[in-house]
PDB file of all heavy atoms in Angstrom:
ATOM      1  N   GLU A   1      -5.490   4.773   1.168  1.00  0.00           N
ATOM      2  CA  GLU A   1      -5.083   3.769   0.170  1.00  0.00           C
ATOM      3  C   GLU A   1      -4.917   4.408  -1.228  1.00  0.00           C
ATOM      4  O   GLU A   1      -4.074   3.985  -2.017  1.00  0.00           O
ATOM      5  CB  GLU A   1      -6.003   2.545   0.124  1.00  0.00           C
ATOM      6  CG  GLU A   1      -7.405   2.852  -0.196  1.00  0.00           C
ATOM      7  CD  GLU A   1      -8.283   3.201   1.012  1.00  0.00           C
ATOM      8  OE1 GLU A   1      -7.784   3.439   2.128  1.00  0.00           O
ATOM      9  OE2 GLU A   1      -9.509   3.276   0.794  1.00  0.00           O
ATOM     10  N   VAL A   2      -5.716   5.435  -1.507  1.00  0.00           N
ATOM     11  CA  VAL A   2      -5.564   6.145  -2.760  1.00  0.00           C
ATOM     12  C   VAL A   2      -4.347   7.068  -2.716  1.00  0.00           C
ATOM     13  O   VAL A   2      -3.528   7.115  -3.639  1.00  0.00           O
ATOM     14  CB  VAL A   2      -6.876   6.976  -3.099  1.00  0.00           C
ATOM     15  CG1 VAL A   2      -6.663   7.854  -4.326  1.00  0.00           C
ATOM     16  CG2 VAL A   2      -8.008   6.005  -3.296  1.00  0.00           C
ATOM     17  N   LEU A   3      -4.223   7.836  -1.631  1.00  0.00           N
ATOM     18  CA  LEU A   3      -3.089   8.716  -1.465  1.00  0.00           C
ATOM     19  C   LEU A   3      -1.772   7.965  -1.574  1.00  0.00           C
ATOM     20  O   LEU A   3      -0.763   8.474  -2.155  1.00  0.00           O
ATOM     21  CB  LEU A   3      -3.170   9.421  -0.125  1.00  0.00           C
ATOM     22  CG  LEU A   3      -2.190  10.547   0.138  1.00  0.00           C
ATOM     23  CD1 LEU A   3      -2.311  11.679  -0.907  1.00  0.00           C
ATOM     24  CD2 LEU A   3      -2.415  11.145   1.523  1.00  0.00           C
ATOM     25  N   ALA A   4      -1.680   6.769  -1.097  1.00  0.00           N
ATOM     26  CA  ALA A   4      -0.459   5.953  -1.152  1.00  0.00           C
ATOM     27  C   ALA A   4      -0.073   5.628  -2.583  1.00  0.00           C
ATOM     28  O   ALA A   4       1.112   5.398  -2.866  1.00  0.00           O
ATOM     29  CB  ALA A   4      -0.648   4.633  -0.364  1.00  0.00           C
ATOM     30  N   LEU A   5      -1.004   5.703  -3.526  1.00  0.00           N
ATOM     31  CA  LEU A   5      -0.701   5.389  -4.926  1.00  0.00           C
ATOM     32  C   LEU A   5      -0.260   6.639  -5.732  1.00  0.00           C
ATOM     33  O   LEU A   5       0.329   6.502  -6.764  1.00  0.00           O
ATOM     34  CB  LEU A   5      -1.915   4.780  -5.605  1.00  0.00           C
ATOM     35  CG  LEU A   5      -2.443   3.496  -5.055  1.00  0.00           C
ATOM     36  CD1 LEU A   5      -3.735   3.100  -5.696  1.00  0.00           C
ATOM     37  CD2 LEU A   5      -1.395   2.401  -5.230  1.00  0.00           C
ATOM     38  N   LEU A   6      -0.605   7.813  -5.240  1.00  0.00           N
ATOM     39  CA  LEU A   6      -0.315   9.050  -5.996  1.00  0.00           C
ATOM     40  C   LEU A   6       1.107   9.480  -5.899  1.00  0.00           C
ATOM     41  O   LEU A   6       1.765   9.355  -4.881  1.00  0.00           O
ATOM     42  CB  LEU A   6      -1.216  10.151  -5.464  1.00  0.00           C
ATOM     43  CG  LEU A   6      -2.739   9.919  -5.577  1.00  0.00           C
ATOM     44  CD1 LEU A   6      -3.476  11.084  -4.971  1.00  0.00           C
ATOM     45  CD2 LEU A   6      -3.158   9.707  -6.998  1.00  0.00           C
ATOM     46  N   ARG A   7       1.611  10.020  -7.040  1.00  0.00           N
ATOM     47  CA  ARG A   7       2.975  10.482  -7.129  1.00  0.00           C
ATOM     48  C   ARG A   7       2.991  11.863  -7.809  1.00  0.00           C
ATOM     49  O   ARG A   7       2.154  12.198  -8.623  1.00  0.00           O
ATOM     50  CB  ARG A   7       3.864   9.533  -7.997  1.00  0.00           C
ATOM     51  CG  ARG A   7       4.065   8.152  -7.364  1.00  0.00           C
ATOM     52  CD  ARG A   7       4.923   8.233  -6.127  1.00  0.00           C
ATOM     53  NE  ARG A   7       5.146   6.971  -5.482  1.00  0.00           N
ATOM     54  CZ  ARG A   7       4.410   6.479  -4.447  1.00  0.00           C
ATOM     55  NH1 ARG A   7       3.377   7.126  -4.023  1.00  0.00           N
ATOM     56  NH2 ARG A   7       4.712   5.331  -3.938  1.00  0.00           N
ATOM     57  N   CYS A   8       3.980  12.662  -7.407  1.00  0.00           N
ATOM     58  CA  CYS A   8       4.164  13.969  -8.007  1.00  0.00           C
ATOM     59  C   CYS A   8       4.575  13.831  -9.477  1.00  0.00           C
ATOM     60  O   CYS A   8       5.571  13.157  -9.750  1.00  0.00           O
ATOM     61  CB  CYS A   8       5.193  14.749  -7.240  1.00  0.00           C
ATOM     62  SG  CYS A   8       5.675  16.336  -7.968  1.00  0.00           S
ATOM     63  N   PRO A   9       3.890  14.508 -10.439  1.00  0.00           N
ATOM     64  CA  PRO A   9       4.286  14.444 -11.834  1.00  0.00           C
ATOM     65  C   PRO A   9       5.661  15.029 -12.080  1.00  0.00           C
ATOM     66  O   PRO A   9       6.290  14.726 -13.092  1.00  0.00           O
ATOM     67  CB  PRO A   9       3.185  15.231 -12.570  1.00  0.00           C
ATOM     68  CG  PRO A   9       2.029  15.236 -11.655  1.00  0.00           C
ATOM     69  CD  PRO A   9       2.587  15.207 -10.266  1.00  0.00           C
ATOM     70  N   HIS A  10       6.092  15.966 -11.226  1.00  0.00           N
ATOM     71  CA  HIS A  10       7.410  16.619 -11.435  1.00  0.00           C
ATOM     72  C   HIS A  10       8.563  15.828 -10.838  1.00  0.00           C
ATOM     73  O   HIS A  10       9.596  15.690 -11.440  1.00  0.00           O
ATOM     74  CB  HIS A  10       7.386  18.007 -10.775  1.00  0.00           C
ATOM     75  CG  HIS A  10       6.550  19.011 -11.495  1.00  0.00           C
ATOM     76  ND1 HIS A  10       6.966  19.599 -12.671  1.00  0.00           N
ATOM     77  CD2 HIS A  10       5.326  19.479 -11.220  1.00  0.00           C
ATOM     78  CE1 HIS A  10       5.984  20.443 -13.068  1.00  0.00           C
ATOM     79  NE2 HIS A  10       4.997  20.365 -12.197  1.00  0.00           N
ATOM     80  N   THR A  11       8.361  15.293  -9.626  1.00  0.00           N
ATOM     81  CA  THR A  11       9.474  14.689  -8.919  1.00  0.00           C
ATOM     82  C   THR A  11       9.349  13.181  -8.769  1.00  0.00           C
ATOM     83  O   THR A  11      10.325  12.504  -8.388  1.00  0.00           O
ATOM     84  CB  THR A  11       9.563  15.251  -7.478  1.00  0.00           C
ATOM     85  OG1 THR A  11       8.416  14.871  -6.755  1.00  0.00           O
ATOM     86  CG2 THR A  11       9.730  16.763  -7.483  1.00  0.00           C
ATOM     87  N   SER A  12       8.191  12.599  -9.024  1.00  0.00           N
ATOM     88  CA  SER A  12       7.845  11.177  -8.867  1.00  0.00           C
ATOM     89  C   SER A  12       7.866  10.783  -7.426  1.00  0.00           C
ATOM     90  O   SER A  12       7.787   9.570  -7.117  1.00  0.00           O
ATOM     91  CB  SER A  12       8.804  10.296  -9.683  1.00  0.00           C
ATOM     92  OG  SER A  12       8.718  10.593 -11.035  1.00  0.00           O
ATOM     93  N   LEU A  13       7.963  11.726  -6.499  1.00  0.00           N
ATOM     94  CA  LEU A  13       7.873  11.444  -5.063  1.00  0.00           C
ATOM     95  C   LEU A  13       6.464  11.179  -4.640  1.00  0.00           C
ATOM     96  O   LEU A  13       5.523  11.688  -5.272  1.00  0.00           O
ATOM     97  CB  LEU A  13       8.470  12.587  -4.258  1.00  0.00           C
ATOM     98  CG  LEU A  13       9.960  12.829  -4.422  1.00  0.00           C
ATOM     99  CD1 LEU A  13      10.361  14.138  -3.733  1.00  0.00           C
ATOM    100  CD2 LEU A  13      10.737  11.656  -3.849  1.00  0.00           C
ATOM    101  N   PRO A  14       6.268  10.466  -3.564  1.00  0.00           N
ATOM    102  CA  PRO A  14       4.903  10.269  -3.005  1.00  0.00           C
ATOM    103  C   PRO A  14       4.332  11.667  -2.602  1.00  0.00           C
ATOM    104  O   PRO A  14       5.050  12.622  -2.338  1.00  0.00           O
ATOM    105  CB  PRO A  14       5.089   9.462  -1.741  1.00  0.00           C
ATOM    106  CG  PRO A  14       6.427   8.818  -1.894  1.00  0.00           C
ATOM    107  CD  PRO A  14       7.262   9.756  -2.755  1.00  0.00           C
ATOM    108  N   LEU A  15       3.005  11.737  -2.566  1.00  0.00           N
ATOM    109  CA  LEU A  15       2.296  12.937  -2.177  1.00  0.00           C
ATOM    110  C   LEU A  15       1.686  12.754  -0.794  1.00  0.00           C
ATOM    111  O   LEU A  15       1.368  11.644  -0.391  1.00  0.00           O
ATOM    112  CB  LEU A  15       1.202  13.283  -3.165  1.00  0.00           C
ATOM    113  CG  LEU A  15       1.708  13.705  -4.548  1.00  0.00           C
ATOM    114  CD1 LEU A  15       0.583  13.716  -5.525  1.00  0.00           C
ATOM    115  CD2 LEU A  15       2.439  15.036  -4.504  1.00  0.00           C
ATOM    116  N   ARG A  16       1.501  13.872  -0.046  1.00  0.00           N
ATOM    117  CA  ARG A  16       0.863  13.856   1.254  1.00  0.00           C
ATOM    118  C   ARG A  16      -0.098  15.046   1.280  1.00  0.00           C
ATOM    119  O   ARG A  16       0.076  15.981   0.544  1.00  0.00           O
ATOM    120  CB  ARG A  16       1.886  13.904   2.376  1.00  0.00           C
ATOM    121  CG  ARG A  16       2.774  15.129   2.331  1.00  0.00           C
ATOM    122  CD  ARG A  16       3.819  15.137   3.473  1.00  0.00           C
ATOM    123  NE  ARG A  16       4.800  16.130   3.286  1.00  0.00           N
ATOM    124  CZ  ARG A  16       4.652  17.463   3.428  1.00  0.00           C
ATOM    125  NH1 ARG A  16       3.451  17.956   3.761  1.00  0.00           N
ATOM    126  NH2 ARG A  16       5.632  18.278   3.242  1.00  0.00           N
ATOM    127  N   GLU A  17      -1.069  14.966   2.161  1.00  0.00           N
ATOM    128  CA  GLU A  17      -1.975  16.104   2.329  1.00  0.00           C
ATOM    129  C   GLU A  17      -1.270  17.231   3.024  1.00  0.00           C
ATOM    130  O   GLU A  17      -0.511  17.024   3.954  1.00  0.00           O
ATOM    131  CB  GLU A  17      -3.228  15.671   3.046  1.00  0.00           C
ATOM    132  CG  GLU A  17      -4.094  14.695   2.230  1.00  0.00           C
ATOM    133  CD  GLU A  17      -5.438  14.417   2.867  1.00  0.00           C
ATOM    134  OE1 GLU A  17      -5.916  15.266   3.661  1.00  0.00           O
ATOM    135  OE2 GLU A  17      -6.003  13.388   2.585  1.00  0.00           O
ATOM    136  N   ALA A  18      -1.540  18.429   2.592  1.00  0.00           N
ATOM    137  CA  ALA A  18      -0.986  19.627   3.225  1.00  0.00           C
ATOM    138  C   ALA A  18      -1.688  19.868   4.523  1.00  0.00           C
ATOM    139  O   ALA A  18      -2.935  19.823   4.608  1.00  0.00           O
ATOM    140  CB  ALA A  18      -1.171  20.828   2.293  1.00  0.00           C
ATOM    141  N   GLY A  19      -0.893  20.143   5.579  1.00  0.00           N
ATOM    142  CA  GLY A  19      -1.474  20.478   6.850  1.00  0.00           C
ATOM    143  C   GLY A  19      -1.993  21.924   6.889  1.00  0.00           C
ATOM    144  O   GLY A  19      -1.727  22.704   5.922  1.00  0.00           O
ATOM    145  N   THR A  20      -2.660  22.334   7.914  1.00  0.00           N
ATOM    146  CA  THR A  20      -3.276  23.683   8.003  1.00  0.00           C
ATOM    147  C   THR A  20      -2.207  24.779   7.860  1.00  0.00           C
ATOM    148  O   THR A  20      -2.420  25.696   7.029  1.00  0.00           O
ATOM    149  CB  THR A  20      -3.968  23.848   9.349  1.00  0.00           C
ATOM    150  OG1 THR A  20      -4.931  22.789   9.513  1.00  0.00           O
ATOM    151  CG2 THR A  20      -4.675  25.171   9.393  1.00  0.00           C
ATOM    152  N   ASP A  21      -1.101  24.721   8.578  1.00  0.00           N
ATOM    153  CA  ASP A  21      -0.088  25.798   8.437  1.00  0.00           C
ATOM    154  C   ASP A  21       0.561  25.758   7.080  1.00  0.00           C
ATOM    155  O   ASP A  21       0.835  26.806   6.492  1.00  0.00           O
ATOM    156  CB  ASP A  21       0.978  25.655   9.521  1.00  0.00           C
ATOM    157  CG  ASP A  21       0.431  25.904  10.933  1.00  0.00           C
ATOM    158  OD1 ASP A  21      -0.647  26.569  11.061  1.00  0.00           O
ATOM    159  OD2 ASP A  21       1.070  25.503  11.905  1.00  0.00           O
ATOM    160  N   GLU A  22       0.830  24.551   6.595  1.00  0.00           N
ATOM    161  CA  GLU A  22       1.473  24.439   5.277  1.00  0.00           C
ATOM    162  C   GLU A  22       0.548  24.934   4.191  1.00  0.00           C
ATOM    163  O   GLU A  22       0.973  25.635   3.243  1.00  0.00           O
ATOM    164  CB  GLU A  22       1.797  23.001   5.082  1.00  0.00           C
ATOM    165  CG  GLU A  22       2.679  22.744   3.878  1.00  0.00           C
ATOM    166  CD  GLU A  22       3.149  21.279   3.832  1.00  0.00           C
ATOM    167  OE1 GLU A  22       2.422  20.365   4.203  1.00  0.00           O
ATOM    168  OE2 GLU A  22       4.324  21.114   3.396  1.00  0.00           O
ATOM    169  N   LEU A  23      -0.765  24.638   4.278  1.00  0.00           N
ATOM    170  CA  LEU A  23      -1.717  25.124   3.295  1.00  0.00           C
ATOM    171  C   LEU A  23      -1.767  26.643   3.319  1.00  0.00           C
ATOM    172  O   LEU A  23      -1.820  27.290   2.234  1.00  0.00           O
ATOM    173  CB  LEU A  23      -3.117  24.565   3.620  1.00  0.00           C
ATOM    174  CG  LEU A  23      -4.215  24.825   2.598  1.00  0.00           C
ATOM    175  CD1 LEU A  23      -3.849  24.264   1.204  1.00  0.00           C
ATOM    176  CD2 LEU A  23      -5.498  24.202   3.093  1.00  0.00           C
ATOM    177  N   ALA A  24      -1.765  27.253   4.500  1.00  0.00           N
ATOM    178  CA  ALA A  24      -1.754  28.702   4.605  1.00  0.00           C
ATOM    179  C   ALA A  24      -0.506  29.295   3.962  1.00  0.00           C
ATOM    180  O   ALA A  24      -0.551  30.300   3.235  1.00  0.00           O
ATOM    181  CB  ALA A  24      -1.833  29.145   6.078  1.00  0.00           C
ATOM    182  N   HIS A  25       0.662  28.640   4.152  1.00  0.00           N
ATOM    183  CA  HIS A  25       1.913  29.068   3.532  1.00  0.00           C
ATOM    184  C   HIS A  25       1.814  29.049   2.020  1.00  0.00           C
ATOM    185  O   HIS A  25       2.140  30.023   1.376  1.00  0.00           O
ATOM    186  CB  HIS A  25       3.066  28.168   4.016  1.00  0.00           C
ATOM    187  CG  HIS A  25       4.342  28.406   3.298  1.00  0.00           C
ATOM    188  ND1 HIS A  25       5.134  29.511   3.499  1.00  0.00           N
ATOM    189  CD2 HIS A  25       4.931  27.710   2.303  1.00  0.00           C
ATOM    190  CE1 HIS A  25       6.193  29.446   2.721  1.00  0.00           C
ATOM    191  NE2 HIS A  25       6.069  28.377   2.005  1.00  0.00           N
ATOM    192  N   TRP A  26       1.330  27.949   1.443  1.00  0.00           N
ATOM    193  CA  TRP A  26       1.205  27.841  -0.001  1.00  0.00           C
ATOM    194  C   TRP A  26       0.196  28.809  -0.531  1.00  0.00           C
ATOM    195  O   TRP A  26       0.398  29.393  -1.624  1.00  0.00           O
ATOM    196  CB  TRP A  26       0.855  26.389  -0.392  1.00  0.00           C
ATOM    197  CG  TRP A  26       2.059  25.505  -0.383  1.00  0.00           C
ATOM    198  CD1 TRP A  26       2.439  24.602   0.569  1.00  0.00           C
ATOM    199  CD2 TRP A  26       3.109  25.450  -1.382  1.00  0.00           C
ATOM    200  NE1 TRP A  26       3.621  24.036   0.216  1.00  0.00           N
ATOM    201  CE2 TRP A  26       4.069  24.540  -0.936  1.00  0.00           C
ATOM    202  CE3 TRP A  26       3.286  26.129  -2.600  1.00  0.00           C
ATOM    203  CZ2 TRP A  26       5.173  24.197  -1.727  1.00  0.00           C
ATOM    204  CZ3 TRP A  26       4.446  25.800  -3.329  1.00  0.00           C
ATOM    205  CH2 TRP A  26       5.338  24.846  -2.899  1.00  0.00           C
ATOM    206  N   ASN A  27      -0.912  29.023   0.166  1.00  0.00           N
ATOM    207  CA  ASN A  27      -1.897  30.045  -0.255  1.00  0.00           C
ATOM    208  C   ASN A  27      -1.272  31.415  -0.346  1.00  0.00           C
ATOM    209  O   ASN A  27      -1.518  32.157  -1.278  1.00  0.00           O
ATOM    210  CB  ASN A  27      -3.107  30.008   0.622  1.00  0.00           C
ATOM    211  CG  ASN A  27      -4.131  28.997   0.141  1.00  0.00           C
ATOM    212  OD1 ASN A  27      -4.408  28.845  -1.014  1.00  0.00           O
ATOM    213  ND2 ASN A  27      -4.705  28.263   1.106  1.00  0.00           N
TER     214      ASN A  27
END
């Protein structure tokens, strides 16, 4: 319910949690 309220400050798009593979990619 908190995640549903959050928006990206750059794009104003909704945010989602990074998955394991995606987190490894960003790291």
